[in-house]
Amino acid sequence: MQDQVTGLLHAPRDVAALELALYTLLADASLRQKMGTQARKNIEEIFSTERIVPQIEGIYAAILNKVGS
């Protein structure tokens, strides 16, 4: 996650910062929309079929090579 781009980050156990982040998102619909749209775009790029399938095929090939040896 990118702070202020795809979400709002805060320190662990910082309840006041969490409260502020939640309030900020609740109060600003356009910010929620913008961050949500960007987050979805990032996920679709990171986990696209074009990127994931070759990785999975490589894992299967490595497993089959170990089994076949």
PDB file of N, CA and C in Angstrom:
ATOM      1  N   MET A   1       0.845  -1.168   0.000  1.00  0.00           N
ATOM      2  CA  MET A   1       0.000   0.000   0.000  1.00  0.00           C
ATOM      3  C   MET A   1       0.896   1.238   0.000  1.00  0.00           C
ATOM      4  N   GLN A   2       0.456   2.225  -0.723  1.00  0.00           N
ATOM      5  CA  GLN A   2       1.162   3.503  -0.770  1.00  0.00           C
ATOM      6  C   GLN A   2       0.354   4.532   0.005  1.00  0.00           C
ATOM      7  N   ASP A   3       0.984   5.111   1.010  1.00  0.00           N
ATOM      8  CA  ASP A   3       0.294   6.095   1.841  1.00  0.00           C
ATOM      9  C   ASP A   3      -0.170   7.277   0.990  1.00  0.00           C
ATOM     10  N   GLN A   4      -1.389   7.666   1.202  1.00  0.00           N
ATOM     11  CA  GLN A   4      -2.036   8.793   0.519  1.00  0.00           C
ATOM     12  C   GLN A   4      -2.343   8.512  -0.949  1.00  0.00           C
ATOM     13  N   VAL A   5      -2.000   7.317  -1.446  1.00  0.00           N
ATOM     14  CA  VAL A   5      -2.265   6.967  -2.845  1.00  0.00           C
ATOM     15  C   VAL A   5      -3.301   5.849  -2.918  1.00  0.00           C
ATOM     16  N   THR A   6      -3.036   4.756  -2.197  1.00  0.00           N
ATOM     17  CA  THR A   6      -3.966   3.629  -2.196  1.00  0.00           C
ATOM     18  C   THR A   6      -4.545   3.357  -0.812  1.00  0.00           C
ATOM     19  N   GLY A   7      -4.180   4.184   0.148  1.00  0.00           N
ATOM     20  CA  GLY A   7      -4.695   4.020   1.498  1.00  0.00           C
ATOM     21  C   GLY A   7      -4.024   5.009   2.429  1.00  0.00           C
ATOM     22  N   LEU A   8      -4.371   4.918   3.684  1.00  0.00           N
ATOM     23  CA  LEU A   8      -3.794   5.799   4.692  1.00  0.00           C
ATOM     24  C   LEU A   8      -3.079   4.940   5.723  1.00  0.00           C
ATOM     25  N   LEU A   9      -1.778   5.093   5.804  1.00  0.00           N
ATOM     26  CA  LEU A   9      -0.984   4.314   6.745  1.00  0.00           C
ATOM     27  C   LEU A   9      -0.877   5.029   8.086  1.00  0.00           C
ATOM     28  N   HIS A  10      -0.703   4.248   9.134  1.00  0.00           N
ATOM     29  CA  HIS A  10      -0.468   4.798  10.471  1.00  0.00           C
ATOM     30  C   HIS A  10       0.384   3.809  11.245  1.00  0.00           C
ATOM     31  N   ALA A  11       0.979   4.271  12.295  1.00  0.00           N
ATOM     32  CA  ALA A  11       1.837   3.412  13.116  1.00  0.00           C
ATOM     33  C   ALA A  11       0.998   2.352  13.830  1.00  0.00           C
ATOM     34  N   PRO A  12       1.564   1.166  14.027  1.00  0.00           N
ATOM     35  CA  PRO A  12       0.849   0.135  14.774  1.00  0.00           C
ATOM     36  C   PRO A  12       0.470   0.640  16.168  1.00  0.00           C
ATOM     37  N   ARG A  13      -0.682   0.256  16.601  1.00  0.00           N
ATOM     38  CA  ARG A  13      -1.205   0.584  17.940  1.00  0.00           C
ATOM     39  C   ARG A  13      -1.441   2.077  18.168  1.00  0.00           C
ATOM     40  N   ASP A  14      -1.417   2.860  17.099  1.00  0.00           N
ATOM     41  CA  ASP A  14      -1.684   4.300  17.224  1.00  0.00           C
ATOM     42  C   ASP A  14      -3.170   4.532  16.967  1.00  0.00           C
ATOM     43  N   VAL A  15      -3.937   4.412  18.015  1.00  0.00           N
ATOM     44  CA  VAL A  15      -5.397   4.495  17.905  1.00  0.00           C
ATOM     45  C   VAL A  15      -5.834   5.864  17.406  1.00  0.00           C
ATOM     46  N   ALA A  16      -5.175   6.915  17.847  1.00  0.00           N
ATOM     47  CA  ALA A  16      -5.542   8.269  17.408  1.00  0.00           C
ATOM     48  C   ALA A  16      -5.319   8.427  15.903  1.00  0.00           C
ATOM     49  N   ALA A  17      -4.219   7.884  15.388  1.00  0.00           N
ATOM     50  CA  ALA A  17      -3.944   7.977  13.952  1.00  0.00           C
ATOM     51  C   ALA A  17      -4.952   7.151  13.158  1.00  0.00           C
ATOM     52  N   LEU A  18      -5.312   5.984  13.667  1.00  0.00           N
ATOM     53  CA  LEU A  18      -6.332   5.159  13.020  1.00  0.00           C
ATOM     54  C   LEU A  18      -7.661   5.896  12.983  1.00  0.00           C
ATOM     55  N   GLU A  19      -8.019   6.495  14.099  1.00  0.00           N
ATOM     56  CA  GLU A  19      -9.262   7.263  14.178  1.00  0.00           C
ATOM     57  C   GLU A  19      -9.262   8.390  13.135  1.00  0.00           C
ATOM     58  N   LEU A  20      -8.155   9.101  13.029  1.00  0.00           N
ATOM     59  CA  LEU A  20      -8.052  10.193  12.066  1.00  0.00           C
ATOM     60  C   LEU A  20      -8.158   9.672  10.639  1.00  0.00           C
ATOM     61  N   ALA A  21      -7.485   8.561  10.344  1.00  0.00           N
ATOM     62  CA  ALA A  21      -7.545   7.980   8.999  1.00  0.00           C
ATOM     63  C   ALA A  21      -8.978   7.568   8.648  1.00  0.00           C
ATOM     64  N   LEU A  22      -9.651   6.919   9.584  1.00  0.00           N
ATOM     65  CA  LEU A  22     -11.038   6.505   9.330  1.00  0.00           C
ATOM     66  C   LEU A  22     -11.950   7.709   9.141  1.00  0.00           C
ATOM     67  N   TYR A  23     -11.785   8.704   9.985  1.00  0.00           N
ATOM     68  CA  TYR A  23     -12.596   9.912   9.854  1.00  0.00           C
ATOM     69  C   TYR A  23     -12.338  10.581   8.500  1.00  0.00           C
ATOM     70  N   THR A  24     -11.075  10.661   8.113  1.00  0.00           N
ATOM     71  CA  THR A  24     -10.721  11.270   6.834  1.00  0.00           C
ATOM     72  C   THR A  24     -11.424  10.559   5.686  1.00  0.00           C
ATOM     73  N   LEU A  25     -11.398   9.235   5.707  1.00  0.00           N
ATOM     74  CA  LEU A  25     -12.035   8.469   4.633  1.00  0.00           C
ATOM     75  C   LEU A  25     -13.559   8.580   4.684  1.00  0.00           C
ATOM     76  N   LEU A  26     -14.113   8.566   5.870  1.00  0.00           N
ATOM     77  CA  LEU A  26     -15.565   8.702   5.990  1.00  0.00           C
ATOM     78  C   LEU A  26     -16.050  10.059   5.503  1.00  0.00           C
ATOM     79  N   ALA A  27     -15.238  11.086   5.708  1.00  0.00           N
ATOM     80  CA  ALA A  27     -15.644  12.455   5.383  1.00  0.00           C
ATOM     81  C   ALA A  27     -15.397  12.833   3.924  1.00  0.00           C
ATOM     82  N   ASP A  28     -14.607  12.052   3.194  1.00  0.00           N
ATOM     83  CA  ASP A  28     -14.204  12.461   1.849  1.00  0.00           C
ATOM     84  C   ASP A  28     -14.465  11.350   0.828  1.00  0.00           C
ATOM     85  N   ALA A  29     -15.640  11.388   0.234  1.00  0.00           N
ATOM     86  CA  ALA A  29     -16.027  10.358  -0.735  1.00  0.00           C
ATOM     87  C   ALA A  29     -15.112  10.343  -1.955  1.00  0.00           C
ATOM     88  N   SER A  30     -14.690  11.505  -2.421  1.00  0.00           N
ATOM     89  CA  SER A  30     -13.826  11.532  -3.604  1.00  0.00           C
ATOM     90  C   SER A  30     -12.455  10.932  -3.301  1.00  0.00           C
ATOM     91  N   LEU A  31     -11.958  11.136  -2.094  1.00  0.00           N
ATOM     92  CA  LEU A  31     -10.683  10.524  -1.695  1.00  0.00           C
ATOM     93  C   LEU A  31     -10.829   9.007  -1.651  1.00  0.00           C
ATOM     94  N   ARG A  32     -11.927   8.514  -1.075  1.00  0.00           N
ATOM     95  CA  ARG A  32     -12.179   7.068  -1.038  1.00  0.00           C
ATOM     96  C   ARG A  32     -12.209   6.503  -2.449  1.00  0.00           C
ATOM     97  N   GLN A  33     -12.910   7.181  -3.341  1.00  0.00           N
ATOM     98  CA  GLN A  33     -13.033   6.726  -4.735  1.00  0.00           C
ATOM     99  C   GLN A  33     -11.667   6.713  -5.411  1.00  0.00           C
ATOM    100  N   LYS A  34     -10.910   7.798  -5.251  1.00  0.00           N
ATOM    101  CA  LYS A  34      -9.592   7.914  -5.889  1.00  0.00           C
ATOM    102  C   LYS A  34      -8.643   6.829  -5.392  1.00  0.00           C
ATOM    103  N   MET A  35      -8.592   6.638  -4.073  1.00  0.00           N
ATOM    104  CA  MET A  35      -7.703   5.619  -3.509  1.00  0.00           C
ATOM    105  C   MET A  35      -8.143   4.212  -3.914  1.00  0.00           C
ATOM    106  N   GLY A  36      -9.434   3.973  -3.888  1.00  0.00           N
ATOM    107  CA  GLY A  36      -9.952   2.663  -4.279  1.00  0.00           C
ATOM    108  C   GLY A  36      -9.656   2.340  -5.727  1.00  0.00           C
ATOM    109  N   THR A  37      -9.825   3.317  -6.599  1.00  0.00           N
ATOM    110  CA  THR A  37      -9.541   3.130  -8.019  1.00  0.00           C
ATOM    111  C   THR A  37      -8.059   2.830  -8.237  1.00  0.00           C
ATOM    112  N   GLN A  38      -7.192   3.589  -7.575  1.00  0.00           N
ATOM    113  CA  GLN A  38      -5.754   3.369  -7.718  1.00  0.00           C
ATOM    114  C   GLN A  38      -5.334   2.021  -7.146  1.00  0.00           C
ATOM    115  N   ALA A  39      -5.907   1.646  -6.013  1.00  0.00           N
ATOM    116  CA  ALA A  39      -5.578   0.356  -5.398  1.00  0.00           C
ATOM    117  C   ALA A  39      -5.973  -0.789  -6.332  1.00  0.00           C
ATOM    118  N   ARG A  40      -7.150  -0.685  -6.913  1.00  0.00           N
ATOM    119  CA  ARG A  40      -7.604  -1.736  -7.841  1.00  0.00           C
ATOM    120  C   ARG A  40      -6.682  -1.824  -9.056  1.00  0.00           C
ATOM    121  N   LYS A  41      -6.300  -0.675  -9.586  1.00  0.00           N
ATOM    122  CA  LYS A  41      -5.398  -0.648 -10.740  1.00  0.00           C
ATOM    123  C   LYS A  41      -4.077  -1.334 -10.393  1.00  0.00           C
ATOM    124  N   ASN A  42      -3.530  -1.019  -9.226  1.00  0.00           N
ATOM    125  CA  ASN A  42      -2.268  -1.637  -8.797  1.00  0.00           C
ATOM    126  C   ASN A  42      -2.397  -3.149  -8.684  1.00  0.00           C
ATOM    127  N   ILE A  43      -3.464  -3.618  -8.078  1.00  0.00           N
ATOM    128  CA  ILE A  43      -3.676  -5.061  -7.901  1.00  0.00           C
ATOM    129  C   ILE A  43      -3.837  -5.747  -9.242  1.00  0.00           C
ATOM    130  N   GLU A  44      -4.585  -5.139 -10.147  1.00  0.00           N
ATOM    131  CA  GLU A  44      -4.776  -5.740 -11.470  1.00  0.00           C
ATOM    132  C   GLU A  44      -3.454  -5.841 -12.227  1.00  0.00           C
ATOM    133  N   GLU A  45      -2.564  -4.876 -12.031  1.00  0.00           N
ATOM    134  CA  GLU A  45      -1.255  -4.938 -12.681  1.00  0.00           C
ATOM    135  C   GLU A  45      -0.362  -5.988 -12.024  1.00  0.00           C
ATOM    136  N   ILE A  46      -0.316  -5.984 -10.708  1.00  0.00           N
ATOM    137  CA  ILE A  46       0.557  -6.913  -9.983  1.00  0.00           C
ATOM    138  C   ILE A  46       0.133  -8.362 -10.185  1.00  0.00           C
ATOM    139  N   PHE A  47      -1.155  -8.611 -10.189  1.00  0.00           N
ATOM    140  CA  PHE A  47      -1.666  -9.971 -10.271  1.00  0.00           C
ATOM    141  C   PHE A  47      -2.318 -10.275 -11.615  1.00  0.00           C
ATOM    142  N   SER A  48      -1.827  -9.636 -12.666  1.00  0.00           N
ATOM    143  CA  SER A  48      -2.390  -9.882 -13.994  1.00  0.00           C
ATOM    144  C   SER A  48      -2.065 -11.310 -14.439  1.00  0.00           C
ATOM    145  N   THR A  49      -2.876 -11.835 -15.315  1.00  0.00           N
ATOM    146  CA  THR A  49      -2.655 -13.173 -15.862  1.00  0.00           C
ATOM    147  C   THR A  49      -1.289 -13.257 -16.527  1.00  0.00           C
ATOM    148  N   GLU A  50      -0.913 -12.187 -17.224  1.00  0.00           N
ATOM    149  CA  GLU A  50       0.364 -12.171 -17.935  1.00  0.00           C
ATOM    150  C   GLU A  50       1.557 -12.305 -16.986  1.00  0.00           C
ATOM    151  N   ARG A  51       1.419 -11.842 -15.760  1.00  0.00           N
ATOM    152  CA  ARG A  51       2.517 -11.935 -14.786  1.00  0.00           C
ATOM    153  C   ARG A  51       2.444 -13.209 -13.945  1.00  0.00           C
ATOM    154  N   ILE A  52       1.247 -13.607 -13.573  1.00  0.00           N
ATOM    155  CA  ILE A  52       1.095 -14.711 -12.628  1.00  0.00           C
ATOM    156  C   ILE A  52       1.263 -16.076 -13.288  1.00  0.00           C
ATOM    157  N   VAL A  53       0.691 -16.262 -14.478  1.00  0.00           N
ATOM    158  CA  VAL A  53       0.747 -17.583 -15.122  1.00  0.00           C
ATOM    159  C   VAL A  53       2.194 -18.050 -15.336  1.00  0.00           C
ATOM    160  N   PRO A  54       3.090 -17.221 -15.877  1.00  0.00           N
ATOM    161  CA  PRO A  54       4.474 -17.697 -16.027  1.00  0.00           C
ATOM    162  C   PRO A  54       5.130 -18.059 -14.682  1.00  0.00           C
ATOM    163  N   GLN A  55       4.796 -17.329 -13.631  1.00  0.00           N
ATOM    164  CA  GLN A  55       5.354 -17.649 -12.317  1.00  0.00           C
ATOM    165  C   GLN A  55       4.861 -19.015 -11.840  1.00  0.00           C
ATOM    166  N   ILE A  56       3.577 -19.268 -11.994  1.00  0.00           N
ATOM    167  CA  ILE A  56       3.007 -20.555 -11.574  1.00  0.00           C
ATOM    168  C   ILE A  56       3.568 -21.686 -12.430  1.00  0.00           C
ATOM    169  N   GLU A  57       3.698 -21.453 -13.736  1.00  0.00           N
ATOM    170  CA  GLU A  57       4.283 -22.473 -14.608  1.00  0.00           C
ATOM    171  C   GLU A  57       5.718 -22.790 -14.179  1.00  0.00           C
ATOM    172  N   GLY A  58       6.472 -21.763 -13.791  1.00  0.00           N
ATOM    173  CA  GLY A  58       7.839 -21.976 -13.328  1.00  0.00           C
ATOM    174  C   GLY A  58       7.881 -22.817 -12.060  1.00  0.00           C
ATOM    175  N   ILE A  59       6.945 -22.573 -11.165  1.00  0.00           N
ATOM    176  CA  ILE A  59       6.867 -23.364  -9.927  1.00  0.00           C
ATOM    177  C   ILE A  59       6.559 -24.819 -10.253  1.00  0.00           C
ATOM    178  N   TYR A  60       5.567 -25.035 -11.120  1.00  0.00           N
ATOM    179  CA  TYR A  60       5.218 -26.406 -11.507  1.00  0.00           C
ATOM    180  C   TYR A  60       6.392 -27.096 -12.190  1.00  0.00           C
ATOM    181  N   ALA A  61       7.087 -26.378 -13.067  1.00  0.00           N
ATOM    182  CA  ALA A  61       8.233 -26.968 -13.769  1.00  0.00           C
ATOM    183  C   ALA A  61       9.320 -27.361 -12.769  1.00  0.00           C
ATOM    184  N   ALA A  62       9.586 -26.515 -11.796  1.00  0.00           N
ATOM    185  CA  ALA A  62      10.598 -26.819 -10.782  1.00  0.00           C
ATOM    186  C   ALA A  62      10.206 -28.048  -9.977  1.00  0.00           C
ATOM    187  N   ILE A  63       8.935 -28.155  -9.632  1.00  0.00           N
ATOM    188  CA  ILE A  63       8.457 -29.304  -8.868  1.00  0.00           C
ATOM    189  C   ILE A  63       8.595 -30.580  -9.699  1.00  0.00           C
ATOM    190  N   LEU A  64       8.180 -30.502 -10.970  1.00  0.00           N
ATOM    191  CA  LEU A  64       8.263 -31.671 -11.838  1.00  0.00           C
ATOM    192  C   LEU A  64       9.711 -32.097 -12.070  1.00  0.00           C
ATOM    193  N   ASN A  65      10.622 -31.134 -12.150  1.00  0.00           N
ATOM    194  CA  ASN A  65      12.041 -31.468 -12.333  1.00  0.00           C
ATOM    195  C   ASN A  65      12.584 -32.191 -11.101  1.00  0.00           C
ATOM    196  N   LYS A  66      12.145 -31.776  -9.914  1.00  0.00           N
ATOM    197  CA  LYS A  66      12.593 -32.441  -8.685  1.00  0.00           C
ATOM    198  C   LYS A  66      12.030 -33.845  -8.598  1.00  0.00           C
ATOM    199  N   VAL A  67      10.756 -33.995  -8.976  1.00  0.00           N
ATOM    200  CA  VAL A  67      10.098 -35.304  -8.909  1.00  0.00           C
ATOM    201  C   VAL A  67      10.722 -36.248  -9.929  1.00  0.00           C
ATOM    202  N   GLY A  68      11.066 -35.713 -11.103  1.00  0.00           N
ATOM    203  CA  GLY A  68      11.629 -36.542 -12.181  1.00  0.00           C
ATOM    204  C   GLY A  68      13.084 -36.897 -11.989  1.00  0.00           C
ATOM    205  N   SER A  69      13.779 -36.265 -11.043  1.00  0.00           N
ATOM    206  CA  SER A  69      15.205 -36.564 -10.886  1.00  0.00           C
ATOM    207  C   SER A  69      15.461 -37.727  -9.972  1.00  0.00           C
TER     208      SER A  69
END
